Amino acid sequence: MIVGVPREIKKDEYRVAMLPVGVEMLTQAGHRVLVESGAGLGSGLPDHDYLRAGAELVSGPEELFRQSEMIVKVKEPQECEWPLIQPGQIVFTYFHFAANQSLTEAMVRTGASAVAYETLSDRRGRLPLLTPMSEVAGRMSIQEGAKYLERPQMGRGILLGGVPGVHPARITILGGGIVGANAAKIAAGFQADVSILDINMDRLRYLDDIMPANVNVLFSDPHTVRQEIQLADLVVGSVLIPGAKAPRLVTEQDLRLMKPGAVIIDVAIDQGGCFETSQPTTHSNPTYIVHDVVHYCVTNMPGAVGRTSTFALCNVTLPWVRRIANRGLEQAAAESWE
């Protein structure tokens, strides 16, 4: 199979969909791998690393898309890439169709097979290709939240861990999945006062067992959400319904209850967001303010730490890429996955 790895063109996206070792393993199995020149630079991977691994460098996306049977990307195809996608081609990437009707309709029109990282599950019902980026985004949410709580960023001027004699920040995390658990770990390490809200009691019991004493676990209902966001300095939105739009947990009316200068990090924004006032932003212009609350709604948070994210993503995507390349999409889809 001919596998193409284009350069990501989404704004402020620094990841790449394949490491040189992935190229080496595919070419050793008899496949051709086309890599667009400069595709790995945002992750510190120069073209000569790919050449040494056996890749064929292509100067632009047009030629790469024209020749490739499978396109392996990180983020959803951008509008200027839609005309390049061919009938029968496999496009393997994050799509987040639930939040983007125009992309969904465009992919249907191409006649290509769209395989979405975020909805592929293994035999235990886990989402192995979503997990590493959820881990990155969860940890980043606290890192970014700490920055935007600073007064020069229009935050409340709160230090996450406080100091002796001064209260730490109060952090509310909506959703106790992979994102929420990773956010809580980092926030707890800063010695913040942390609450995780979730509707799954089994998950709450698990989190209660593994989290340190400064993390509280609470059952999520509208009353508790409103109560907690009123007290919070930082709120992380980390809810997920696989393959569907994120539920709106915080209305604009609820937002008015929050403290002036409080910060929202809506990690769920790539699935539509879980705050009524959330709108997609970029790393170049990440925040805006509604009702005196700072909103951070970057749709590709892990892209800012491109090197870490690229290695974490490729660790889990490469076995799937190899399986599809070796067996074809139909046979690969029919097989069970560990």
C-alpha atoms as a PDB file:
ATOM      1  CA  MET A   1       0.000   0.000   0.000  1.00  0.00           C
ATOM      2  CA  ILE A   2       1.099   3.593  -0.602  1.00  0.00           C
ATOM      3  CA  VAL A   3       0.789   5.556   2.637  1.00  0.00           C
ATOM      4  CA  GLY A   4       0.887   9.357   2.636  1.00  0.00           C
ATOM      5  CA  VAL A   5       1.808  11.579   5.588  1.00  0.00           C
ATOM      6  CA  PRO A   6       0.985  15.235   4.836  1.00  0.00           C
ATOM      7  CA  ARG A   7       2.132  18.275   6.752  1.00  0.00           C
ATOM      8  CA  GLU A   8      -0.563  19.429   9.176  1.00  0.00           C
ATOM      9  CA  ILE A   9      -1.993  22.804   8.144  1.00  0.00           C
ATOM     10  CA  LYS A  10      -4.515  23.480  10.924  1.00  0.00           C
ATOM     11  CA  LYS A  11      -3.542  26.717  12.657  1.00  0.00           C
ATOM     12  CA  ASP A  12      -0.930  26.235  15.396  1.00  0.00           C
ATOM     13  CA  GLU A  13      -0.729  22.477  14.846  1.00  0.00           C
ATOM     14  CA  TYR A  14       2.788  21.080  15.350  1.00  0.00           C
ATOM     15  CA  ARG A  15       2.182  17.336  15.459  1.00  0.00           C
ATOM     16  CA  VAL A  16       2.934  14.849  12.693  1.00  0.00           C
ATOM     17  CA  ALA A  17       1.114  11.573  12.100  1.00  0.00           C
ATOM     18  CA  MET A  18       4.108   9.257  11.762  1.00  0.00           C
ATOM     19  CA  LEU A  19       7.563   8.904  13.274  1.00  0.00           C
ATOM     20  CA  PRO A  20      10.581   7.817  11.213  1.00  0.00           C
ATOM     21  CA  VAL A  21      10.442   4.421  12.943  1.00  0.00           C
ATOM     22  CA  GLY A  22       6.921   3.986  11.578  1.00  0.00           C
ATOM     23  CA  VAL A  23       8.208   4.702   8.083  1.00  0.00           C
ATOM     24  CA  GLU A  24      10.969   2.138   8.576  1.00  0.00           C
ATOM     25  CA  MET A  25       8.571  -0.577   9.724  1.00  0.00           C
ATOM     26  CA  LEU A  26       6.142   0.041   6.870  1.00  0.00           C
ATOM     27  CA  THR A  27       8.812   0.118   4.165  1.00  0.00           C
ATOM     28  CA  GLN A  28      10.386  -3.063   5.527  1.00  0.00           C
ATOM     29  CA  ALA A  29       6.968  -4.701   5.105  1.00  0.00           C
ATOM     30  CA  GLY A  30       6.953  -3.708   1.425  1.00  0.00           C
ATOM     31  CA  HIS A  31       4.852  -0.543   1.569  1.00  0.00           C
ATOM     32  CA  ARG A  32       5.740   2.858   0.149  1.00  0.00           C
ATOM     33  CA  VAL A  33       5.557   5.862   2.472  1.00  0.00           C
ATOM     34  CA  LEU A  34       5.287   9.389   1.076  1.00  0.00           C
ATOM     35  CA  VAL A  35       6.021  12.207   3.516  1.00  0.00           C
ATOM     36  CA  GLU A  36       5.419  15.857   2.698  1.00  0.00           C
ATOM     37  CA  SER A  37       8.572  17.907   3.117  1.00  0.00           C
ATOM     38  CA  GLY A  38       8.604  19.676   6.492  1.00  0.00           C
ATOM     39  CA  ALA A  39       5.856  17.500   7.969  1.00  0.00           C
ATOM     40  CA  GLY A  40       7.878  16.646  11.080  1.00  0.00           C
ATOM     41  CA  LEU A  41       9.577  19.957  11.778  1.00  0.00           C
ATOM     42  CA  GLY A  42       7.043  21.078  14.392  1.00  0.00           C
ATOM     43  CA  SER A  43       7.907  17.956  16.389  1.00  0.00           C
ATOM     44  CA  GLY A  44      11.665  18.318  15.939  1.00  0.00           C
ATOM     45  CA  LEU A  45      11.827  15.654  13.201  1.00  0.00           C
ATOM     46  CA  PRO A  46      13.737  16.890  10.119  1.00  0.00           C
ATOM     47  CA  ASP A  47      13.248  15.553   6.608  1.00  0.00           C
ATOM     48  CA  HIS A  48      16.547  13.662   6.600  1.00  0.00           C
ATOM     49  CA  ASP A  49      15.322  11.466   9.473  1.00  0.00           C
ATOM     50  CA  TYR A  50      12.430  10.337   7.279  1.00  0.00           C
ATOM     51  CA  LEU A  51      14.680   9.848   4.267  1.00  0.00           C
ATOM     52  CA  ARG A  52      17.030   7.638   6.269  1.00  0.00           C
ATOM     53  CA  ALA A  53      14.019   5.573   7.390  1.00  0.00           C
ATOM     54  CA  GLY A  54      13.018   4.929   3.770  1.00  0.00           C
ATOM     55  CA  ALA A  55      10.412   7.609   3.090  1.00  0.00           C
ATOM     56  CA  GLU A  56       9.966   9.337  -0.235  1.00  0.00           C
ATOM     57  CA  LEU A  57       9.764  13.105   0.255  1.00  0.00           C
ATOM     58  CA  VAL A  58       7.036  14.949  -1.639  1.00  0.00           C
ATOM     59  CA  SER A  59       7.153  18.716  -2.015  1.00  0.00           C
ATOM     60  CA  GLY A  60       3.432  19.465  -1.751  1.00  0.00           C
ATOM     61  CA  PRO A  61       0.087  18.003  -0.681  1.00  0.00           C
ATOM     62  CA  GLU A  62      -1.359  17.706  -4.189  1.00  0.00           C
ATOM     63  CA  GLU A  63       1.130  15.066  -5.306  1.00  0.00           C
ATOM     64  CA  LEU A  64       0.979  13.257  -1.967  1.00  0.00           C
ATOM     65  CA  PHE A  65      -2.808  12.962  -1.982  1.00  0.00           C
ATOM     66  CA  ARG A  66      -2.820  12.000  -5.669  1.00  0.00           C
ATOM     67  CA  GLN A  67      -0.463   9.049  -5.184  1.00  0.00           C
ATOM     68  CA  SER A  68      -1.511   7.736  -1.774  1.00  0.00           C
ATOM     69  CA  GLU A  69      -3.958   4.931  -1.072  1.00  0.00           C
ATOM     70  CA  MET A  70      -4.093   5.798   2.637  1.00  0.00           C
ATOM     71  CA  ILE A  71      -3.628   9.250   4.149  1.00  0.00           C
ATOM     72  CA  VAL A  72      -2.497   9.282   7.778  1.00  0.00           C
ATOM     73  CA  LYS A  73      -3.011  12.617   9.546  1.00  0.00           C
ATOM     74  CA  VAL A  74      -3.415  14.091  12.997  1.00  0.00           C
ATOM     75  CA  LYS A  75      -6.251  16.613  12.654  1.00  0.00           C
ATOM     76  CA  GLU A  76      -9.338  16.669  10.473  1.00  0.00           C
ATOM     77  CA  PRO A  77      -8.812  17.602   6.810  1.00  0.00           C
ATOM     78  CA  GLN A  78      -9.034  21.339   6.366  1.00  0.00           C
ATOM     79  CA  GLU A  79     -11.352  22.805   3.745  1.00  0.00           C
ATOM     80  CA  CYS A  80      -8.545  23.350   1.236  1.00  0.00           C
ATOM     81  CA  GLU A  81      -7.662  19.638   1.531  1.00  0.00           C
ATOM     82  CA  TRP A  82     -11.161  18.344   0.782  1.00  0.00           C
ATOM     83  CA  PRO A  83     -10.775  18.546  -3.022  1.00  0.00           C
ATOM     84  CA  LEU A  84      -7.539  16.522  -2.786  1.00  0.00           C
ATOM     85  CA  ILE A  85      -9.219  13.481  -1.230  1.00  0.00           C
ATOM     86  CA  GLN A  86     -10.086  10.789  -3.768  1.00  0.00           C
ATOM     87  CA  PRO A  87     -12.850   8.165  -4.005  1.00  0.00           C
ATOM     88  CA  GLY A  88     -11.768   4.896  -2.407  1.00  0.00           C
ATOM     89  CA  GLN A  89      -8.913   6.516  -0.490  1.00  0.00           C
ATOM     90  CA  ILE A  90      -8.543   5.772   3.236  1.00  0.00           C
ATOM     91  CA  VAL A  91      -8.188   8.834   5.480  1.00  0.00           C
ATOM     92  CA  PHE A  92      -7.044   7.922   8.986  1.00  0.00           C
ATOM     93  CA  THR A  93      -7.081  10.804  11.491  1.00  0.00           C
ATOM     94  CA  TYR A  94      -9.046  12.600  14.203  1.00  0.00           C
ATOM     95  CA  PHE A  95     -12.275  13.836  12.605  1.00  0.00           C
ATOM     96  CA  HIS A  96     -14.652  14.878  15.450  1.00  0.00           C
ATOM     97  CA  PHE A  97     -17.575  14.674  13.031  1.00  0.00           C
ATOM     98  CA  ALA A  98     -20.158  15.292  15.758  1.00  0.00           C
ATOM     99  CA  ALA A  99     -19.119  18.940  16.020  1.00  0.00           C
ATOM    100  CA  ASN A 100     -18.623  19.608  12.295  1.00  0.00           C
ATOM    101  CA  GLN A 101     -21.496  18.980   9.894  1.00  0.00           C
ATOM    102  CA  SER A 102     -19.770  20.589   6.904  1.00  0.00           C
ATOM    103  CA  LEU A 103     -16.753  18.294   7.268  1.00  0.00           C
ATOM    104  CA  THR A 104     -19.046  15.272   7.574  1.00  0.00           C
ATOM    105  CA  GLU A 105     -20.911  16.178   4.404  1.00  0.00           C
ATOM    106  CA  ALA A 106     -17.666  16.921   2.544  1.00  0.00           C
ATOM    107  CA  MET A 107     -16.173  13.548   3.430  1.00  0.00           C
ATOM    108  CA  VAL A 108     -19.329  11.769   2.257  1.00  0.00           C
ATOM    109  CA  ARG A 109     -19.040  13.579  -1.074  1.00  0.00           C
ATOM    110  CA  THR A 110     -15.402  12.506  -1.559  1.00  0.00           C
ATOM    111  CA  GLY A 111     -16.274   8.814  -1.596  1.00  0.00           C
ATOM    112  CA  ALA A 112     -13.278   8.116   0.653  1.00  0.00           C
ATOM    113  CA  SER A 113     -13.272   5.849   3.721  1.00  0.00           C
ATOM    114  CA  ALA A 114     -12.949   8.062   6.797  1.00  0.00           C
ATOM    115  CA  VAL A 115     -11.533   6.224   9.819  1.00  0.00           C
ATOM    116  CA  ALA A 116     -11.708   8.373  12.954  1.00  0.00           C
ATOM    117  CA  TYR A 117      -9.111   7.836  15.664  1.00  0.00           C
ATOM    118  CA  GLU A 118     -11.473   9.048  18.375  1.00  0.00           C
ATOM    119  CA  THR A 119     -14.159   6.405  17.785  1.00  0.00           C
ATOM    120  CA  LEU A 120     -12.053   3.268  17.303  1.00  0.00           C
ATOM    121  CA  SER A 121     -12.501   0.921  20.239  1.00  0.00           C
ATOM    122  CA  ASP A 122     -10.830  -2.278  21.372  1.00  0.00           C
ATOM    123  CA  ARG A 123     -12.510  -5.427  22.663  1.00  0.00           C
ATOM    124  CA  ARG A 124     -12.848  -3.928  26.145  1.00  0.00           C
ATOM    125  CA  GLY A 125     -14.658  -0.864  24.823  1.00  0.00           C
ATOM    126  CA  ARG A 126     -11.730   1.485  25.400  1.00  0.00           C
ATOM    127  CA  LEU A 127     -10.722   4.241  22.975  1.00  0.00           C
ATOM    128  CA  PRO A 128      -6.986   3.552  22.622  1.00  0.00           C
ATOM    129  CA  LEU A 129      -6.275   6.183  19.965  1.00  0.00           C
ATOM    130  CA  LEU A 130      -8.023   8.925  21.928  1.00  0.00           C
ATOM    131  CA  THR A 131      -6.432   8.078  25.271  1.00  0.00           C
ATOM    132  CA  PRO A 132      -2.910   9.544  24.808  1.00  0.00           C
ATOM    133  CA  MET A 133      -4.182  12.914  23.570  1.00  0.00           C
ATOM    134  CA  SER A 134      -6.716  12.962  26.404  1.00  0.00           C
ATOM    135  CA  GLU A 135      -3.839  12.409  28.819  1.00  0.00           C
ATOM    136  CA  VAL A 136      -1.911  15.300  27.278  1.00  0.00           C
ATOM    137  CA  ALA A 137      -4.931  17.618  27.207  1.00  0.00           C
ATOM    138  CA  GLY A 138      -5.858  16.800  30.797  1.00  0.00           C
ATOM    139  CA  ARG A 139      -2.397  17.617  32.064  1.00  0.00           C
ATOM    140  CA  MET A 140      -2.186  20.723  29.890  1.00  0.00           C
ATOM    141  CA  SER A 141      -5.526  21.993  31.187  1.00  0.00           C
ATOM    142  CA  ILE A 142      -4.016  22.668  34.601  1.00  0.00           C
ATOM    143  CA  GLN A 143      -0.827  24.102  33.117  1.00  0.00           C
ATOM    144  CA  GLU A 144      -2.865  26.521  30.992  1.00  0.00           C
ATOM    145  CA  GLY A 145      -5.333  27.207  33.770  1.00  0.00           C
ATOM    146  CA  ALA A 146      -2.517  28.220  36.099  1.00  0.00           C
ATOM    147  CA  LYS A 147      -1.259  30.693  33.501  1.00  0.00           C
ATOM    148  CA  TYR A 148      -4.628  32.294  32.816  1.00  0.00           C
ATOM    149  CA  LEU A 149      -5.436  32.660  36.500  1.00  0.00           C
ATOM    150  CA  GLU A 150      -2.566  35.140  36.635  1.00  0.00           C
ATOM    151  CA  ARG A 151      -3.683  38.764  36.815  1.00  0.00           C
ATOM    152  CA  PRO A 152      -1.837  39.920  33.638  1.00  0.00           C
ATOM    153  CA  GLN A 153      -3.931  37.326  31.771  1.00  0.00           C
ATOM    154  CA  MET A 154      -7.140  38.829  33.277  1.00  0.00           C
ATOM    155  CA  GLY A 155      -7.449  36.013  35.810  1.00  0.00           C
ATOM    156  CA  ARG A 156      -8.131  36.304  39.532  1.00  0.00           C
ATOM    157  CA  GLY A 157      -4.460  36.449  40.482  1.00  0.00           C
ATOM    158  CA  ILE A 158      -4.550  33.072  42.222  1.00  0.00           C
ATOM    159  CA  LEU A 159      -1.611  30.716  42.758  1.00  0.00           C
ATOM    160  CA  LEU A 160      -2.814  27.140  42.355  1.00  0.00           C
ATOM    161  CA  GLY A 161      -1.147  25.784  45.468  1.00  0.00           C
ATOM    162  CA  GLY A 162      -1.361  28.897  47.595  1.00  0.00           C
ATOM    163  CA  VAL A 163       1.348  29.458  50.210  1.00  0.00           C
ATOM    164  CA  PRO A 164       1.425  28.937  53.980  1.00  0.00           C
ATOM    165  CA  GLY A 165      -1.317  31.097  55.435  1.00  0.00           C
ATOM    166  CA  VAL A 166      -3.188  31.536  52.135  1.00  0.00           C
ATOM    167  CA  HIS A 167      -5.858  29.272  50.603  1.00  0.00           C
ATOM    168  CA  PRO A 168      -4.942  27.342  47.435  1.00  0.00           C
ATOM    169  CA  ALA A 169      -7.006  27.614  44.264  1.00  0.00           C
ATOM    170  CA  ARG A 170     -10.264  25.737  44.086  1.00  0.00           C
ATOM    171  CA  ILE A 171     -10.515  23.617  40.923  1.00  0.00           C
ATOM    172  CA  THR A 172     -13.651  21.906  39.628  1.00  0.00           C
ATOM    173  CA  ILE A 173     -13.311  19.201  36.969  1.00  0.00           C
ATOM    174  CA  LEU A 174     -16.450  18.233  35.056  1.00  0.00           C
ATOM    175  CA  GLY A 175     -15.987  14.619  33.993  1.00  0.00           C
ATOM    176  CA  GLY A 176     -13.863  11.907  35.588  1.00  0.00           C
ATOM    177  CA  GLY A 177     -12.586  10.130  32.467  1.00  0.00           C
ATOM    178  CA  ILE A 178      -9.049  10.156  31.104  1.00  0.00           C
ATOM    179  CA  VAL A 179      -8.911  13.943  30.730  1.00  0.00           C
ATOM    180  CA  GLY A 180     -10.427  14.597  34.133  1.00  0.00           C
ATOM    181  CA  ALA A 181      -8.270  12.075  35.974  1.00  0.00           C
ATOM    182  CA  ASN A 182      -5.091  13.482  34.459  1.00  0.00           C
ATOM    183  CA  ALA A 183      -6.145  17.035  35.220  1.00  0.00           C
ATOM    184  CA  ALA A 184      -6.844  16.040  38.823  1.00  0.00           C
ATOM    185  CA  LYS A 185      -3.435  14.380  39.221  1.00  0.00           C
ATOM    186  CA  ILE A 186      -1.609  17.512  38.124  1.00  0.00           C
ATOM    187  CA  ALA A 187      -3.863  19.867  40.115  1.00  0.00           C
ATOM    188  CA  ALA A 188      -3.436  17.736  43.229  1.00  0.00           C
ATOM    189  CA  GLY A 189       0.321  17.842  42.749  1.00  0.00           C
ATOM    190  CA  PHE A 190       0.125  21.628  42.895  1.00  0.00           C
ATOM    191  CA  GLN A 191      -1.682  21.237  46.245  1.00  0.00           C
ATOM    192  CA  ALA A 192      -4.868  22.816  44.905  1.00  0.00           C
ATOM    193  CA  ASP A 193      -8.298  22.026  46.350  1.00  0.00           C
ATOM    194  CA  VAL A 194      -9.811  19.759  43.676  1.00  0.00           C
ATOM    195  CA  SER A 195     -13.290  18.359  43.002  1.00  0.00           C
ATOM    196  CA  ILE A 196     -14.151  15.878  40.236  1.00  0.00           C
ATOM    197  CA  LEU A 197     -17.793  15.542  39.147  1.00  0.00           C
ATOM    198  CA  ASP A 198     -19.083  12.520  37.238  1.00  0.00           C
ATOM    199  CA  ILE A 199     -22.346  10.593  36.785  1.00  0.00           C
ATOM    200  CA  ASN A 200     -20.745   7.132  36.952  1.00  0.00           C
ATOM    201  CA  MET A 201     -20.625   5.941  40.559  1.00  0.00           C
ATOM    202  CA  ASP A 202     -18.241   3.086  39.765  1.00  0.00           C
ATOM    203  CA  ARG A 203     -15.839   5.595  38.248  1.00  0.00           C
ATOM    204  CA  LEU A 204     -16.186   7.890  41.261  1.00  0.00           C
ATOM    205  CA  ARG A 205     -15.406   4.999  43.618  1.00  0.00           C
ATOM    206  CA  TYR A 206     -12.305   4.160  41.559  1.00  0.00           C
ATOM    207  CA  LEU A 207     -11.138   7.795  41.566  1.00  0.00           C
ATOM    208  CA  ASP A 208     -11.772   8.026  45.309  1.00  0.00           C
ATOM    209  CA  ASP A 209      -9.444   5.045  45.801  1.00  0.00           C
ATOM    210  CA  ILE A 210      -6.551   6.344  43.691  1.00  0.00           C
ATOM    211  CA  MET A 211      -6.610  10.121  44.204  1.00  0.00           C
ATOM    212  CA  PRO A 212      -4.812  11.937  47.022  1.00  0.00           C
ATOM    213  CA  ALA A 213      -6.667  13.461  49.950  1.00  0.00           C
ATOM    214  CA  ASN A 214      -7.008  16.921  48.365  1.00  0.00           C
ATOM    215  CA  VAL A 215      -9.219  15.516  45.573  1.00  0.00           C
ATOM    216  CA  ASN A 216     -12.942  15.152  46.303  1.00  0.00           C
ATOM    217  CA  VAL A 217     -15.260  13.090  44.100  1.00  0.00           C
ATOM    218  CA  LEU A 218     -18.866  14.229  43.691  1.00  0.00           C
ATOM    219  CA  PHE A 219     -21.893  12.945  41.837  1.00  0.00           C
ATOM    220  CA  SER A 220     -22.720  15.299  38.977  1.00  0.00           C
ATOM    221  CA  ASP A 221     -26.189  16.802  38.736  1.00  0.00           C
ATOM    222  CA  PRO A 222     -27.290  20.330  37.726  1.00  0.00           C
ATOM    223  CA  HIS A 223     -27.498  21.543  41.324  1.00  0.00           C
ATOM    224  CA  THR A 224     -24.020  20.284  42.239  1.00  0.00           C
ATOM    225  CA  VAL A 225     -22.510  21.695  39.038  1.00  0.00           C
ATOM    226  CA  ARG A 226     -23.945  25.146  39.782  1.00  0.00           C
ATOM    227  CA  GLN A 227     -22.805  24.960  43.391  1.00  0.00           C
ATOM    228  CA  GLU A 228     -19.256  23.946  42.508  1.00  0.00           C
ATOM    229  CA  ILE A 229     -18.647  26.435  39.699  1.00  0.00           C
ATOM    230  CA  GLN A 230     -19.688  29.283  42.033  1.00  0.00           C
ATOM    231  CA  LEU A 231     -16.855  28.295  44.354  1.00  0.00           C
ATOM    232  CA  ALA A 232     -14.272  27.489  41.697  1.00  0.00           C
ATOM    233  CA  ASP A 233     -11.333  29.577  40.542  1.00  0.00           C
ATOM    234  CA  LEU A 234     -10.704  27.187  37.644  1.00  0.00           C
ATOM    235  CA  VAL A 235     -13.216  24.891  35.903  1.00  0.00           C
ATOM    236  CA  VAL A 236     -12.080  22.161  33.491  1.00  0.00           C
ATOM    237  CA  GLY A 237     -14.673  20.766  31.071  1.00  0.00           C
ATOM    238  CA  SER A 238     -13.703  17.170  30.286  1.00  0.00           C
ATOM    239  CA  VAL A 239     -16.928  15.332  29.501  1.00  0.00           C
ATOM    240  CA  LEU A 240     -17.094  12.890  26.588  1.00  0.00           C
ATOM    241  CA  ILE A 241     -19.816  10.923  24.862  1.00  0.00           C
ATOM    242  CA  PRO A 242     -17.930   8.877  22.234  1.00  0.00           C
ATOM    243  CA  GLY A 243     -18.907   9.876  18.716  1.00  0.00           C
ATOM    244  CA  ALA A 244     -21.436  12.492  19.888  1.00  0.00           C
ATOM    245  CA  LYS A 245     -21.492  16.169  20.759  1.00  0.00           C
ATOM    246  CA  ALA A 246     -20.480  17.000  24.295  1.00  0.00           C
ATOM    247  CA  PRO A 247     -23.405  17.707  26.651  1.00  0.00           C
ATOM    248  CA  ARG A 248     -23.860  21.314  27.726  1.00  0.00           C
ATOM    249  CA  LEU A 249     -23.372  21.208  31.486  1.00  0.00           C
ATOM    250  CA  VAL A 250     -22.987  24.934  32.164  1.00  0.00           C
ATOM    251  CA  THR A 251     -25.494  27.410  30.736  1.00  0.00           C
ATOM    252  CA  GLU A 252     -24.829  31.099  30.220  1.00  0.00           C
ATOM    253  CA  GLN A 253     -27.058  31.814  33.195  1.00  0.00           C
ATOM    254  CA  ASP A 254     -24.948  29.460  35.313  1.00  0.00           C
ATOM    255  CA  LEU A 255     -21.800  31.220  34.116  1.00  0.00           C
ATOM    256  CA  ARG A 256     -23.018  34.483  35.644  1.00  0.00           C
ATOM    257  CA  LEU A 257     -22.698  32.812  39.055  1.00  0.00           C
ATOM    258  CA  MET A 258     -18.930  32.365  38.700  1.00  0.00           C
ATOM    259  CA  LYS A 259     -16.353  34.623  40.284  1.00  0.00           C
ATOM    260  CA  PRO A 260     -14.980  37.505  38.178  1.00  0.00           C
ATOM    261  CA  GLY A 261     -11.605  36.437  36.794  1.00  0.00           C
ATOM    262  CA  ALA A 262     -12.340  32.720  37.118  1.00  0.00           C
ATOM    263  CA  VAL A 263     -11.053  30.568  34.254  1.00  0.00           C
ATOM    264  CA  ILE A 264     -12.744  27.910  32.109  1.00  0.00           C
ATOM    265  CA  ILE A 265     -10.674  25.350  30.186  1.00  0.00           C
ATOM    266  CA  ASP A 266     -13.087  23.577  27.829  1.00  0.00           C
ATOM    267  CA  VAL A 267     -11.200  20.474  26.716  1.00  0.00           C
ATOM    268  CA  ALA A 268     -14.468  19.171  25.211  1.00  0.00           C
ATOM    269  CA  ILE A 269     -14.529  21.994  22.644  1.00  0.00           C
ATOM    270  CA  ASP A 270     -13.423  19.660  19.834  1.00  0.00           C
ATOM    271  CA  GLN A 271     -16.744  17.852  20.384  1.00  0.00           C
ATOM    272  CA  GLY A 272     -18.719  21.091  20.607  1.00  0.00           C
ATOM    273  CA  GLY A 273     -17.875  22.123  24.176  1.00  0.00           C
ATOM    274  CA  CYS A 274     -19.677  21.616  27.482  1.00  0.00           C
ATOM    275  CA  PHE A 275     -20.225  25.324  28.278  1.00  0.00           C
ATOM    276  CA  GLU A 276     -22.956  27.235  26.458  1.00  0.00           C
ATOM    277  CA  THR A 277     -20.588  30.185  25.990  1.00  0.00           C
ATOM    278  CA  SER A 278     -17.713  28.148  24.506  1.00  0.00           C
ATOM    279  CA  GLN A 279     -16.444  29.022  21.029  1.00  0.00           C
ATOM    280  CA  PRO A 280     -13.397  27.433  19.346  1.00  0.00           C
ATOM    281  CA  THR A 281     -10.118  29.339  19.715  1.00  0.00           C
ATOM    282  CA  THR A 282      -6.496  28.843  18.636  1.00  0.00           C
ATOM    283  CA  HIS A 283      -3.134  28.791  20.373  1.00  0.00           C
ATOM    284  CA  SER A 284      -2.369  32.169  18.773  1.00  0.00           C
ATOM    285  CA  ASN A 285      -5.509  33.709  20.268  1.00  0.00           C
ATOM    286  CA  PRO A 286      -6.571  31.235  22.964  1.00  0.00           C
ATOM    287  CA  THR A 287      -8.873  33.170  25.280  1.00  0.00           C
ATOM    288  CA  TYR A 288     -11.823  35.525  25.403  1.00  0.00           C
ATOM    289  CA  ILE A 289     -13.990  36.823  28.242  1.00  0.00           C
ATOM    290  CA  VAL A 290     -17.727  36.395  28.778  1.00  0.00           C
ATOM    291  CA  HIS A 291     -19.395  37.770  31.936  1.00  0.00           C
ATOM    292  CA  ASP A 292     -15.930  38.398  33.443  1.00  0.00           C
ATOM    293  CA  VAL A 293     -14.951  34.711  33.084  1.00  0.00           C
ATOM    294  CA  VAL A 294     -11.860  33.841  31.034  1.00  0.00           C
ATOM    295  CA  HIS A 295     -12.618  31.154  28.412  1.00  0.00           C
ATOM    296  CA  TYR A 296      -9.834  28.971  26.992  1.00  0.00           C
ATOM    297  CA  CYS A 297     -11.307  26.840  24.188  1.00  0.00           C
ATOM    298  CA  VAL A 298      -8.412  25.732  21.994  1.00  0.00           C
ATOM    299  CA  THR A 299      -9.532  22.839  19.797  1.00  0.00           C
ATOM    300  CA  ASN A 300      -6.107  21.229  19.432  1.00  0.00           C
ATOM    301  CA  MET A 301      -4.508  21.651  22.829  1.00  0.00           C
ATOM    302  CA  PRO A 302      -1.930  18.834  22.414  1.00  0.00           C
ATOM    303  CA  GLY A 303      -0.641  20.499  19.246  1.00  0.00           C
ATOM    304  CA  ALA A 304       1.207  23.065  21.384  1.00  0.00           C
ATOM    305  CA  VAL A 305       3.456  20.348  22.802  1.00  0.00           C
ATOM    306  CA  GLY A 306       4.047  18.776  19.431  1.00  0.00           C
ATOM    307  CA  ARG A 307       6.973  16.572  20.258  1.00  0.00           C
ATOM    308  CA  THR A 308       5.447  14.951  23.335  1.00  0.00           C
ATOM    309  CA  SER A 309       2.099  14.585  21.605  1.00  0.00           C
ATOM    310  CA  THR A 310       3.526  13.154  18.378  1.00  0.00           C
ATOM    311  CA  PHE A 311       5.424  10.410  20.169  1.00  0.00           C
ATOM    312  CA  ALA A 312       2.435   9.621  22.414  1.00  0.00           C
ATOM    313  CA  LEU A 313       0.051   9.472  19.450  1.00  0.00           C
ATOM    314  CA  CYS A 314       2.282   7.458  17.123  1.00  0.00           C
ATOM    315  CA  ASN A 315       2.940   4.900  19.866  1.00  0.00           C
ATOM    316  CA  VAL A 316      -0.709   3.862  19.596  1.00  0.00           C
ATOM    317  CA  THR A 317      -1.598   4.617  15.964  1.00  0.00           C
ATOM    318  CA  LEU A 318       1.240   2.721  14.277  1.00  0.00           C
ATOM    319  CA  PRO A 319      -0.117  -0.805  14.980  1.00  0.00           C
ATOM    320  CA  TRP A 320      -3.453   0.220  13.433  1.00  0.00           C
ATOM    321  CA  VAL A 321      -1.739   1.797  10.409  1.00  0.00           C
ATOM    322  CA  ARG A 322       0.318  -1.357   9.887  1.00  0.00           C
ATOM    323  CA  ARG A 323      -2.733  -3.604  10.204  1.00  0.00           C
ATOM    324  CA  ILE A 324      -4.704  -1.594   7.630  1.00  0.00           C
ATOM    325  CA  ALA A 325      -1.714  -1.389   5.260  1.00  0.00           C
ATOM    326  CA  ASN A 326      -1.017  -5.124   5.536  1.00  0.00           C
ATOM    327  CA  ARG A 327      -4.580  -6.424   5.318  1.00  0.00           C
ATOM    328  CA  GLY A 328      -6.623  -3.669   3.724  1.00  0.00           C
ATOM    329  CA  LEU A 329      -9.344  -1.722   5.490  1.00  0.00           C
ATOM    330  CA  GLU A 330     -12.173  -4.231   5.130  1.00  0.00           C
ATOM    331  CA  GLN A 331     -10.249  -7.172   6.578  1.00  0.00           C
ATOM    332  CA  ALA A 332      -8.628  -5.050   9.278  1.00  0.00           C
ATOM    333  CA  ALA A 333     -12.042  -3.748  10.345  1.00  0.00           C
ATOM    334  CA  ALA A 334     -13.421  -7.283  10.577  1.00  0.00           C
ATOM    335  CA  GLU A 335     -10.714  -8.433  12.982  1.00  0.00           C
ATOM    336  CA  SER A 336     -10.891  -7.992  16.732  1.00  0.00           C
ATOM    337  CA  TRP A 337      -8.415  -5.623  18.382  1.00  0.00           C
ATOM    338  CA  GLU A 338      -6.704  -6.046  21.697  1.00  0.00           C
END
